[in-house]
Amino acid sequence: MKTGQPILIIDDDASLCQALAELLGSAGYEVKTAETGAAALEVVRQESIGLALLDIRLGAESGLDVLPQIKMLRPEMSVIILTALGTVENAVAAMRRGADNFIVKPIDPSSFLVIVEKGLEACSLRRKAARLQRLTSSSRSIIFGQGSAMSDVLRLAEAVATRETTVLLRGETGTGKGVLARLIHEASPRKKEPFVELNCAGLQRDLTESELFGHERGAFTGAVDRKIGLFEAAEGGTLFLDEVGELDAAVQAKLLRVLEQKRFRRLGGVADIEVDVRLIAATNRDLEQDVAEGRFRQDLWYRLNVFTIELPPLRERRQDILPLAYHFLDEFRGGRTSAPRLSPAVEEILLAYDWPGNVRELRNVIERAAILCPPGSEVLPIHLPPLEASREALQKTTEDSPTASDTAPASMSMEEAERRHLASTLNAHDWNLQAAARALGLSRATLYRKIKKYNLSPED
């Protein structure tokens, strides 16, 4: 059985329904049938149908009347009209109303299956576009890229957005956790209510408690007035706690109480305040290790770790680097009618760099390049800042490369960073050029040119 959405045959001719069902079934599709418009609409309401084969004549009914009702229920669903030769005009009219194609009877099996496959592909694309549109409606949002890793992230975000579930976002600094938290909020039933965020890193205990829960007048020195906390400010909406692993132990205990009981007290207060807030938390720390070492409460960890989404670092999804770079170029084009292009040399540099600051660092690099690049020119290497290799990436390169210096500096020239990264990747793939090129996000020809440029060999 093929994966994907079922196909619905809507035809009052039982023998034709059976023949088409057998043909589609033999091709691996799941098939549903309906002989009337009412029966078809009931199936569409209950099933996630990918494509409908709709006869233009359903006894006393007209397929033209059923079509808009189907599209109202499932706008992204593909509809293919089945028609006799004499009603082709009506079939064309149906396409103007939203049908994807029409097939003239008698049906040729081979061309029929091709049209069906294209119809299912069109439905899949429309559903993906609708999903991404829901998740990227914010004017502050950025694209995440086109790779499968971020597609999985968006799929998980869409799945949990409509629930009340607590979400934990994990990933390195700069991977887009804050952006994803806002997108989840805007795709949720709480989207018209407040989205409130707090970065917990570096805040003292009293300040963090006051920010989250508020305080009464006189609760501590300097508390001259009552203050409303962020939990109250986010009532009915979403509270996003970034770097939640940095919270003080006492604040962790209070946060746990809010998650368990949906109530809290202001600092210096005696009355409980009930709250209806959805929590999204984020961290770049290894919370499991923090729990094991006593720095983070195990019970709070269980409460936060209900639905976890991992955001991969940019170095692990190099296919996203250039689409993101061009997106940022368009964002920073200023008053220009069109954004500048990246020169081939710049594209290679961006693809070779490990981006320890992830998407945030890439955005900053492209903003600088857009400012320095003259109108009508390509972005050249001279427009890029001196990119530094992260200590972690450099250490890995030193360990992987037999000839790497044991006293390599914490930063290096872009060319040296690129050379070491290429050597490390080639050695990691036993000099299989096709596998190494895929890992680097380069074509095999480009990788071969770089090997010659840096005079690399398996001994490096």
Protein backbone atom coordinates (compact mmCIF):
# COMPACT_ATOMS: atom_id res chain seq x y z
CA MET A 1 0.00 0.00 0.00
CA LYS A 2 1.39 3.40 -0.96
CA THR A 3 1.76 5.97 1.77
CA GLY A 4 -0.23 9.17 1.51
CA GLN A 5 -3.86 10.22 1.50
CA PRO A 6 -6.71 7.97 0.30
CA ILE A 7 -8.43 8.47 -3.06
CA LEU A 8 -12.22 8.91 -3.17
CA ILE A 9 -14.18 7.79 -6.27
CA ILE A 10 -17.54 9.57 -6.57
CA ASP A 11 -19.64 7.95 -9.29
CA ASP A 12 -23.16 6.50 -9.44
CA ASP A 13 -21.98 3.79 -11.86
CA ALA A 14 -21.17 0.91 -9.49
CA SER A 15 -19.33 -1.10 -12.15
CA LEU A 16 -17.08 1.84 -13.05
CA CYS A 17 -16.41 2.48 -9.35
CA GLN A 18 -15.34 -1.11 -8.91
CA ALA A 19 -13.10 -1.09 -12.01
CA LEU A 20 -11.36 2.13 -10.97
CA ALA A 21 -10.98 0.90 -7.39
CA GLU A 22 -9.32 -2.30 -8.63
CA LEU A 23 -7.00 -0.35 -10.94
CA LEU A 24 -5.96 2.06 -8.20
CA GLY A 25 -5.72 -0.72 -5.63
CA SER A 26 -3.39 -2.69 -7.90
CA ALA A 27 -1.22 0.46 -8.14
CA GLY A 28 -0.96 0.51 -4.34
CA TYR A 29 -3.49 3.25 -3.44
CA GLU A 30 -6.05 3.19 -0.66
CA VAL A 31 -9.48 3.76 -2.21
CA LYS A 32 -12.88 4.92 -0.88
CA THR A 33 -16.07 5.05 -2.96
CA ALA A 34 -19.32 7.01 -2.86
CA GLU A 35 -22.29 6.90 -5.25
CA THR A 36 -23.97 10.17 -4.22
CA GLY A 37 -22.87 13.70 -3.38
CA ALA A 38 -24.14 13.40 0.20
CA ALA A 39 -22.20 10.18 0.77
CA ALA A 40 -19.08 11.74 -0.71
CA LEU A 41 -19.28 14.79 1.55
CA GLU A 42 -19.65 12.54 4.60
CA VAL A 43 -16.46 10.68 3.63
CA VAL A 44 -14.61 13.95 3.07
CA ARG A 45 -15.69 15.20 6.52
CA GLN A 46 -14.43 12.06 8.25
CA GLU A 47 -11.35 11.15 6.20
CA SER A 48 -8.26 13.10 5.15
CA ILE A 49 -8.79 12.48 1.43
CA GLY A 50 -5.96 13.48 -0.90
CA LEU A 51 -7.80 13.28 -4.21
CA ALA A 52 -11.38 12.87 -5.41
CA LEU A 53 -12.37 11.41 -8.79
CA LEU A 54 -15.72 13.14 -9.36
CA ASP A 55 -18.17 12.15 -12.11
CA ILE A 56 -19.76 15.24 -13.59
CA ARG A 57 -23.11 13.42 -13.65
CA LEU A 58 -24.31 11.69 -10.47
CA GLY A 59 -27.78 10.52 -11.46
CA ALA A 60 -30.04 13.48 -10.77
CA GLU A 61 -27.15 15.41 -9.19
CA SER A 62 -24.42 17.42 -10.90
CA GLY A 63 -20.78 17.10 -9.98
CA LEU A 64 -20.56 20.87 -10.48
CA ASP A 65 -22.77 21.28 -7.40
CA VAL A 66 -20.75 18.83 -5.29
CA LEU A 67 -17.36 20.31 -6.25
CA PRO A 68 -17.59 23.62 -4.30
CA GLN A 69 -18.85 21.80 -1.22
CA ILE A 70 -15.85 19.47 -1.33
CA LYS A 71 -13.43 22.38 -1.76
CA MET A 72 -15.07 24.20 1.14
CA LEU A 73 -14.45 21.23 3.41
CA ARG A 74 -10.93 20.46 2.13
CA PRO A 75 -9.51 23.41 0.12
CA GLU A 76 -6.17 21.70 -0.43
CA MET A 77 -7.68 18.44 -1.75
CA SER A 78 -7.26 17.68 -5.46
CA VAL A 79 -10.36 17.01 -7.57
CA ILE A 80 -10.29 15.33 -10.98
CA ILE A 81 -13.47 15.39 -13.05
CA LEU A 82 -14.65 12.26 -14.88
CA THR A 83 -16.59 13.18 -17.98
CA ALA A 84 -17.99 11.81 -21.21
CA LEU A 85 -16.78 13.34 -24.47
CA GLY A 86 -19.93 15.43 -24.88
CA THR A 87 -19.52 17.21 -21.53
CA VAL A 88 -15.93 18.40 -21.87
CA GLU A 89 -17.19 21.99 -21.79
CA ASN A 90 -18.65 21.37 -18.32
CA ALA A 91 -15.40 19.78 -17.21
CA VAL A 92 -13.47 22.89 -18.24
CA ALA A 93 -15.99 24.97 -16.30
CA ALA A 94 -15.36 22.73 -13.29
CA MET A 95 -11.61 23.43 -13.53
CA ARG A 96 -12.38 27.14 -13.38
CA ARG A 97 -14.17 26.41 -10.09
CA GLY A 98 -11.18 24.64 -8.56
CA ALA A 99 -10.90 21.18 -10.15
CA ASP A 100 -7.32 20.17 -10.96
CA ASN A 101 -7.91 18.21 -14.16
CA PHE A 102 -10.44 16.17 -16.09
CA ILE A 103 -10.41 12.69 -17.67
CA VAL A 104 -12.57 11.78 -20.65
CA LYS A 105 -14.22 8.35 -20.65
CA PRO A 106 -13.41 5.67 -21.68
CA ILE A 107 -10.37 5.74 -19.44
CA ASP A 108 -6.86 4.80 -20.57
CA PRO A 109 -5.23 3.12 -17.52
CA SER A 110 -1.66 4.35 -18.06
CA SER A 111 -2.50 8.03 -18.61
CA PHE A 112 -5.13 7.80 -15.85
CA LEU A 113 -2.54 6.74 -13.26
CA VAL A 114 -0.19 9.53 -14.32
CA ILE A 115 -2.93 12.15 -13.83
CA VAL A 116 -3.84 10.64 -10.46
CA GLU A 117 -0.22 10.78 -9.28
CA LYS A 118 0.09 14.44 -10.32
CA GLY A 119 -3.15 15.25 -8.52
CA LEU A 120 -1.86 13.71 -5.29
CA GLU A 121 1.41 15.61 -5.63
CA ALA A 122 -0.52 18.88 -6.06
CA CYS A 123 -2.50 18.15 -2.90
CA SER A 124 0.68 17.38 -0.96
CA LEU A 125 2.27 20.66 -2.08
CA ARG A 126 -0.83 22.68 -1.15
CA ARG A 127 -0.95 21.07 2.30
CA LYS A 128 2.72 21.78 2.87
CA ALA A 129 2.30 25.41 1.75
CA ALA A 130 -0.71 25.85 4.05
CA ARG A 131 1.19 24.33 6.96
CA LEU A 132 4.18 26.60 6.45
CA GLN A 133 1.91 29.60 5.99
CA ARG A 134 0.28 28.91 9.34
CA LEU A 135 3.66 28.60 10.98
CA THR A 136 5.26 31.63 9.30
CA SER A 137 2.50 34.20 9.45
CA SER A 138 4.44 36.44 11.83
CA SER A 139 5.97 39.51 10.26
CA ARG A 140 8.98 38.93 12.55
CA SER A 141 9.51 35.35 11.42
CA ILE A 142 12.32 34.07 9.23
CA ILE A 143 12.45 31.05 6.99
CA PHE A 144 14.21 28.08 8.54
CA GLY A 145 15.44 26.57 5.30
CA GLN A 146 14.48 23.79 2.94
CA GLY A 147 16.20 20.73 4.40
CA SER A 148 14.46 17.69 5.81
CA ALA A 149 15.74 18.39 9.34
CA MET A 150 13.86 21.68 9.62
CA SER A 151 10.86 20.24 7.80
CA ASP A 152 10.66 17.73 10.64
CA VAL A 153 10.91 20.57 13.18
CA LEU A 154 8.05 22.46 11.52
CA ARG A 155 5.98 19.27 11.31
CA LEU A 156 6.38 18.71 15.05
CA ALA A 157 5.64 22.37 15.79
CA GLU A 158 2.44 22.20 13.74
CA ALA A 159 1.37 19.00 15.49
CA VAL A 160 1.73 20.47 18.98
CA ALA A 161 0.64 24.06 18.23
CA THR A 162 -3.09 23.35 18.55
CA ARG A 163 -2.67 21.55 21.90
CA GLU A 164 -2.20 22.92 25.41
CA THR A 165 0.92 20.81 25.88
CA THR A 166 4.05 22.28 27.47
CA VAL A 167 6.82 22.43 24.86
CA LEU A 168 10.58 22.29 25.43
CA LEU A 169 12.78 23.61 22.62
CA ARG A 170 16.38 22.40 22.67
CA GLY A 171 19.28 23.57 20.57
CA GLU A 172 22.39 25.70 20.45
CA THR A 173 22.28 29.47 20.75
CA GLY A 174 21.13 31.12 17.55
CA THR A 175 19.23 28.16 16.08
CA GLY A 176 15.89 29.98 16.17
CA LYS A 177 14.24 28.72 19.37
CA GLY A 178 12.62 32.08 20.09
CA VAL A 179 11.27 32.39 16.56
CA LEU A 180 9.85 28.87 16.69
CA ALA A 181 8.20 29.56 20.07
CA ARG A 182 6.39 32.57 18.61
CA LEU A 183 5.35 30.60 15.53
CA ILE A 184 3.87 27.86 17.74
CA HIS A 185 1.93 30.52 19.63
CA GLU A 186 0.64 32.12 16.42
CA ALA A 187 -0.52 28.74 15.10
CA SER A 188 -2.36 27.98 18.37
CA PRO A 189 -5.88 28.82 19.62
CA ARG A 190 -4.17 31.35 21.94
CA LYS A 191 -2.81 33.43 19.05
CA LYS A 192 -5.02 36.46 19.84
CA GLU A 193 -3.79 36.51 23.43
CA PRO A 194 -0.39 37.76 24.69
CA PHE A 195 2.94 36.16 23.84
CA VAL A 196 5.31 37.06 26.68
CA GLU A 197 8.97 36.08 26.85
CA LEU A 198 11.77 36.16 29.41
CA ASN A 199 15.42 35.23 29.04
CA CYS A 200 16.30 33.61 32.35
CA ALA A 201 20.08 33.77 31.87
CA GLY A 202 22.00 36.05 34.19
CA LEU A 203 19.03 37.16 36.30
CA GLN A 204 19.37 37.18 40.10
CA ARG A 205 16.90 35.07 42.07
CA ASP A 206 14.83 37.97 43.48
CA LEU A 207 14.67 39.71 40.12
CA THR A 208 13.61 36.51 38.34
CA GLU A 209 10.86 35.82 40.90
CA SER A 210 9.63 39.39 40.63
CA GLU A 211 9.64 39.23 36.82
CA LEU A 212 7.74 35.95 36.72
CA PHE A 213 5.34 36.22 39.64
CA GLY A 214 5.26 39.94 40.48
CA HIS A 215 5.47 41.39 43.97
CA GLU A 216 3.44 43.26 46.54
CA ARG A 217 4.38 46.68 47.85
CA GLY A 218 7.06 46.36 50.52
CA ALA A 219 7.97 42.77 49.59
CA PHE A 220 11.64 43.78 49.54
CA THR A 221 13.77 46.91 49.66
CA GLY A 222 12.81 49.10 46.72
CA ALA A 223 9.38 47.48 46.17
CA VAL A 224 7.46 50.75 46.50
CA ASP A 225 4.50 49.58 44.41
CA ARG A 226 2.72 46.37 43.52
CA LYS A 227 4.06 44.80 40.30
CA ILE A 228 2.26 42.41 37.96
CA GLY A 229 4.44 39.46 36.90
CA LEU A 230 4.80 37.90 33.48
CA PHE A 231 2.51 34.98 34.33
CA GLU A 232 -0.31 37.44 34.93
CA ALA A 233 0.68 39.47 31.86
CA ALA A 234 0.46 36.32 29.73
CA GLU A 235 -3.01 35.32 31.02
CA GLY A 236 -4.82 33.35 28.32
CA GLY A 237 -1.74 33.33 26.11
CA THR A 238 1.77 31.89 26.03
CA LEU A 239 4.78 32.44 28.28
CA PHE A 240 8.15 31.67 26.69
CA LEU A 241 11.04 31.08 29.10
CA ASP A 242 14.34 31.10 27.23
CA GLU A 243 17.41 29.54 28.89
CA VAL A 244 15.17 27.89 31.48
CA GLY A 245 18.12 25.80 32.66
CA GLU A 246 19.62 28.93 34.24
CA LEU A 247 16.80 29.33 36.80
CA ASP A 248 17.71 29.38 40.49
CA ALA A 249 16.60 26.32 42.48
CA ALA A 250 14.03 28.31 44.51
CA VAL A 251 12.50 29.72 41.32
CA GLN A 252 12.43 26.22 39.82
CA ALA A 253 10.29 25.11 42.79
CA LYS A 254 7.82 27.97 42.24
CA LEU A 255 7.66 27.29 38.51
CA LEU A 256 6.88 23.64 39.21
CA ARG A 257 3.97 24.68 41.46
CA VAL A 258 2.51 26.86 38.72
CA LEU A 259 2.72 24.03 36.19
CA GLU A 260 1.12 21.54 38.59
CA GLN A 261 -1.55 23.69 40.26
CA LYS A 262 -2.08 26.60 37.82
CA ARG A 263 -1.71 29.09 40.66
CA PHE A 264 1.01 31.13 42.35
CA ARG A 265 1.61 33.94 44.84
CA ARG A 266 3.28 37.25 44.24
CA LEU A 267 6.42 37.94 46.29
CA GLY A 268 5.21 39.17 49.65
CA GLY A 269 1.64 38.09 48.87
CA VAL A 270 -0.67 35.79 50.85
CA ALA A 271 -3.40 35.10 48.29
CA ASP A 272 -3.15 32.53 45.50
CA ILE A 273 -3.66 33.80 41.95
CA GLU A 274 -5.03 31.36 39.39
CA VAL A 275 -3.54 31.56 35.93
CA ASP A 276 -4.29 30.11 32.48
CA VAL A 277 -1.01 30.21 30.58
CA ARG A 278 0.66 27.84 28.14
CA LEU A 279 4.38 27.44 28.80
CA ILE A 280 7.07 27.05 26.14
CA ALA A 281 10.60 26.70 27.49
CA ALA A 282 13.96 26.63 25.72
CA THR A 283 17.47 25.67 26.67
CA ASN A 284 20.91 25.11 25.17
CA ARG A 285 22.00 23.11 28.23
CA ASP A 286 22.09 19.35 28.79
CA LEU A 287 19.28 19.28 31.36
CA GLU A 288 19.58 15.54 31.90
CA GLN A 289 23.18 16.08 33.02
CA ASP A 290 22.10 19.04 35.17
CA VAL A 291 19.49 16.81 36.84
CA ALA A 292 22.08 14.11 37.47
CA GLU A 293 24.44 16.67 39.03
CA GLY A 294 21.72 18.28 41.17
CA ARG A 295 21.59 21.64 39.34
CA PHE A 296 18.07 21.18 37.99
CA ARG A 297 15.01 19.68 39.66
CA GLN A 298 14.08 16.27 38.33
CA ASP A 299 10.34 16.82 38.87
CA LEU A 300 10.46 20.11 36.95
CA TRP A 301 12.42 18.38 34.19
CA TYR A 302 9.61 15.82 33.86
CA ARG A 303 7.05 18.64 33.69
CA LEU A 304 8.95 20.50 30.98
CA ASN A 305 9.95 17.49 28.93
CA VAL A 306 6.42 16.64 27.76
CA PHE A 307 6.96 17.48 24.09
CA THR A 308 10.55 18.22 23.07
CA ILE A 309 11.64 19.68 19.73
CA GLU A 310 15.34 19.61 18.86
CA LEU A 311 16.58 22.39 16.58
CA PRO A 312 19.69 21.18 14.74
CA PRO A 313 22.69 23.51 14.40
CA LEU A 314 23.29 25.10 11.01
CA ARG A 315 26.47 23.06 10.43
CA GLU A 316 24.33 19.90 10.38
CA ARG A 317 22.01 21.24 7.68
CA ARG A 318 24.31 22.92 5.20
CA GLN A 319 21.69 22.70 2.45
CA ASP A 320 19.85 25.47 4.32
CA ILE A 321 22.76 27.93 4.39
CA LEU A 322 22.38 29.46 0.92
CA PRO A 323 18.54 29.70 0.97
CA LEU A 324 18.79 31.44 4.34
CA ALA A 325 21.55 33.73 3.09
CA TYR A 326 19.47 34.80 0.08
CA HIS A 327 16.44 35.32 2.32
CA PHE A 328 18.47 37.66 4.52
CA LEU A 329 19.90 39.45 1.47
CA ASP A 330 16.36 40.16 0.36
CA GLU A 331 15.48 41.36 3.86
CA PHE A 332 18.44 43.77 3.96
CA ARG A 333 18.32 45.05 0.39
CA GLY A 334 17.23 48.49 1.64
CA GLY A 335 15.92 50.74 -1.11
CA ARG A 336 17.29 48.57 -3.91
CA THR A 337 14.84 47.15 -6.42
CA SER A 338 16.46 43.74 -6.13
CA ALA A 339 18.78 42.04 -3.67
CA PRO A 340 22.44 41.48 -4.64
CA ARG A 341 23.65 38.03 -5.59
CA LEU A 342 26.32 36.03 -3.80
CA SER A 343 29.44 35.40 -5.83
CA PRO A 344 30.46 31.73 -6.27
CA ALA A 345 33.45 32.35 -3.98
CA VAL A 346 31.20 33.67 -1.22
CA GLU A 347 28.79 30.76 -1.61
CA GLU A 348 31.69 28.34 -1.15
CA ILE A 349 32.93 30.22 1.93
CA LEU A 350 29.48 30.22 3.53
CA LEU A 351 29.05 26.51 2.84
CA ALA A 352 32.45 25.62 4.25
CA TYR A 353 32.13 27.57 7.51
CA ASP A 354 30.78 25.79 10.61
CA TRP A 355 28.60 28.70 11.92
CA PRO A 356 29.09 28.36 15.69
CA GLY A 357 26.56 31.20 16.09
CA ASN A 358 24.10 29.38 13.81
CA VAL A 359 21.32 31.26 11.99
CA ARG A 360 21.80 34.39 14.11
CA GLU A 361 25.47 34.61 13.07
CA LEU A 362 24.60 34.03 9.41
CA ARG A 363 22.02 36.80 9.57
CA ASN A 364 24.56 39.23 11.02
CA VAL A 365 27.17 38.31 8.41
CA ILE A 366 24.70 38.84 5.56
CA GLU A 367 23.49 42.15 7.01
CA ARG A 368 27.09 43.44 7.03
CA ALA A 369 27.66 42.18 3.47
CA ALA A 370 24.46 43.83 2.24
CA ILE A 371 25.62 47.17 3.70
CA LEU A 372 29.10 46.98 2.14
CA CYS A 373 28.11 45.59 -1.26
CA PRO A 374 27.68 48.44 -3.82
CA PRO A 375 24.37 48.59 -5.74
CA GLY A 376 24.40 46.37 -8.80
CA SER A 377 27.40 44.34 -7.58
CA GLU A 378 27.81 40.80 -6.35
CA VAL A 379 28.66 40.09 -2.72
CA LEU A 380 32.38 39.29 -2.69
CA PRO A 381 34.61 37.76 0.00
CA ILE A 382 35.88 41.25 0.84
CA HIS A 383 32.36 42.14 2.01
CA LEU A 384 32.38 39.35 4.63
CA PRO A 385 33.73 39.82 8.16
CA PRO A 386 36.71 37.73 9.32
CA LEU A 387 34.89 34.56 10.33
CA GLU A 388 36.37 32.70 13.28
CA ALA A 389 36.26 28.95 13.77
CA SER A 390 34.68 27.90 17.07
CA ARG A 391 36.94 26.29 19.64
CA GLU A 392 34.82 23.13 19.54
CA ALA A 393 35.01 22.80 15.75
CA LEU A 394 38.71 23.58 15.81
CA GLN A 395 39.37 20.98 18.51
CA LYS A 396 37.49 18.36 16.48
CA THR A 397 39.53 19.22 13.39
CA THR A 398 42.74 18.92 15.41
CA GLU A 399 41.74 15.46 16.65
CA ASP A 400 40.61 14.23 13.23
CA SER A 401 43.59 15.47 11.19
CA PRO A 402 46.92 13.64 11.70
CA THR A 403 48.94 16.69 10.62
CA ALA A 404 46.96 19.31 12.52
CA SER A 405 48.99 21.31 15.01
CA ASP A 406 48.50 20.41 18.68
CA THR A 407 48.77 24.12 19.45
CA ALA A 408 46.35 25.44 16.82
CA PRO A 409 44.98 28.90 17.67
CA ALA A 410 41.40 29.51 18.76
CA SER A 411 40.78 31.38 15.50
CA MET A 412 42.24 31.24 12.02
CA SER A 413 41.89 32.69 8.55
CA MET A 414 38.84 31.72 6.55
CA GLU A 415 41.01 29.84 4.05
CA GLU A 416 42.76 27.84 6.76
CA ALA A 417 39.42 27.08 8.43
CA GLU A 418 38.04 25.91 5.11
CA ARG A 419 41.13 23.81 4.35
CA ARG A 420 40.99 22.06 7.72
CA HIS A 421 37.26 21.46 7.45
CA LEU A 422 37.66 19.94 4.00
CA ALA A 423 40.51 17.69 5.16
CA SER A 424 38.55 16.60 8.22
CA THR A 425 35.43 15.78 6.19
CA LEU A 426 37.36 13.92 3.49
CA ASN A 427 39.20 11.83 6.08
CA ALA A 428 35.95 11.13 7.93
CA HIS A 429 34.52 9.69 4.69
CA ASP A 430 37.73 7.79 3.76
CA TRP A 431 38.17 10.14 0.80
CA ASN A 432 34.93 9.05 -0.83
CA LEU A 433 34.41 12.25 -2.86
CA GLN A 434 30.71 11.70 -3.45
CA ALA A 435 29.96 11.14 0.26
CA ALA A 436 32.20 14.02 1.34
CA ALA A 437 30.66 16.41 -1.20
CA ARG A 438 27.18 15.50 0.05
CA ALA A 439 28.20 16.13 3.66
CA LEU A 440 29.76 19.47 2.73
CA GLY A 441 26.80 20.60 0.63
CA LEU A 442 29.05 20.97 -2.46
CA SER A 443 29.00 19.50 -5.93
CA ARG A 444 31.63 16.86 -6.64
CA ALA A 445 33.28 19.14 -9.22
CA THR A 446 33.52 21.99 -6.70
CA LEU A 447 35.01 19.68 -4.09
CA TYR A 448 37.58 18.44 -6.63
CA ARG A 449 38.60 22.04 -7.42
CA LYS A 450 39.02 22.79 -3.71
CA ILE A 451 41.18 19.67 -3.23
CA LYS A 452 43.46 20.96 -5.99
CA LYS A 453 43.38 24.52 -4.61
CA TYR A 454 44.55 23.42 -1.16
CA ASN A 455 46.76 20.59 -2.46
CA LEU A 456 44.96 18.13 -0.17
CA SER A 457 45.77 14.44 0.01
CA PRO A 458 44.75 11.47 2.20
CA GLU A 459 47.83 12.17 4.31
CA ASP A 460 46.48 15.58 5.41
